[in-house]
Amino acid sequence: MSDLEIFIFAGIALFFAYKIWTVLGKTNGDEKARANGKIIDANAYAEKLRTAAQTNKDDSKTVILNPAQKDDVQEEIPANLKTSVDDAKKIDPSFTLKKFKDGAVQAFELVIESFSKKKRDALQFLLSDDVYANFNNEIEKRDAQGLDASTTVVALDNAEILEVEVKDNICHIVVKFVSEQIHFIKNKAGEIIEGSKSQIDRVTDIWTFERNLTSKKPNWTVVGIQSA
């Protein structure tokens, strides 16, 4: 199997409106969406996603996040995760925490950047149909109100894998992202009505990824997200 790490992301809770950093619940229709992050060119990435989708005839959406890289000879695994990681490797020998974490970090940045810049093509490949619909609804709502929201990821301070669970070939991985972000909202006149271009907020998000380890293409889905 190739060392390309492939992810898809679904179930991402949305935030927007007049709370910048609120608790993000599981996808229940009440979520708001985060915005932006000047990390990756979403247009160029969308083209890669289309190419990947044409190559992979799997029913799910696919995103190639990492170039090929050699697996570590012996990966260092935290003691509290070792049993579950070993279980995952028994089903998919190519699985490594390092490749997963690298891809998850890139996905975190790309989702934020794509939403803020209204890159619908990229979001469609990154999100499930239902979650994409929620993001798209927020974009349309923002446009209807004449508002422009911007969130820039200044730095991703930490991405920590908190939990790995394998049951019936399904793997769940919980990741805590700690980032520094700048968020502000402009009205039709271009005036900042909320937030600041100079204020940096420290934001902690917890994402839960899910994947069927028997899949030929390691497609990951985000099934939950909240703020810690």
Foldseek 3Di string as FASTA:
>chain_A
DFQFAKAAAEQFFAADPDDQADWGWTPDPPGHHAAAAPDDDLVVQLVVQVVVCVVDVDPAGIGGQDDTDDDDPDDDDPPVAVVLVVVLCVLPVSDDPVSVQSRVVSLVNNVRRCLLVVVLSSNPRRYDPVVSVVSVVNVVVCVVQQKHKYKHFPFWPDKDWDYWHADPQKIKIKIKIWTKMFIFMAHNVRDTPDGDPPDIDIWIKIWMWMFRSNDPRTYIYTRTMTTD
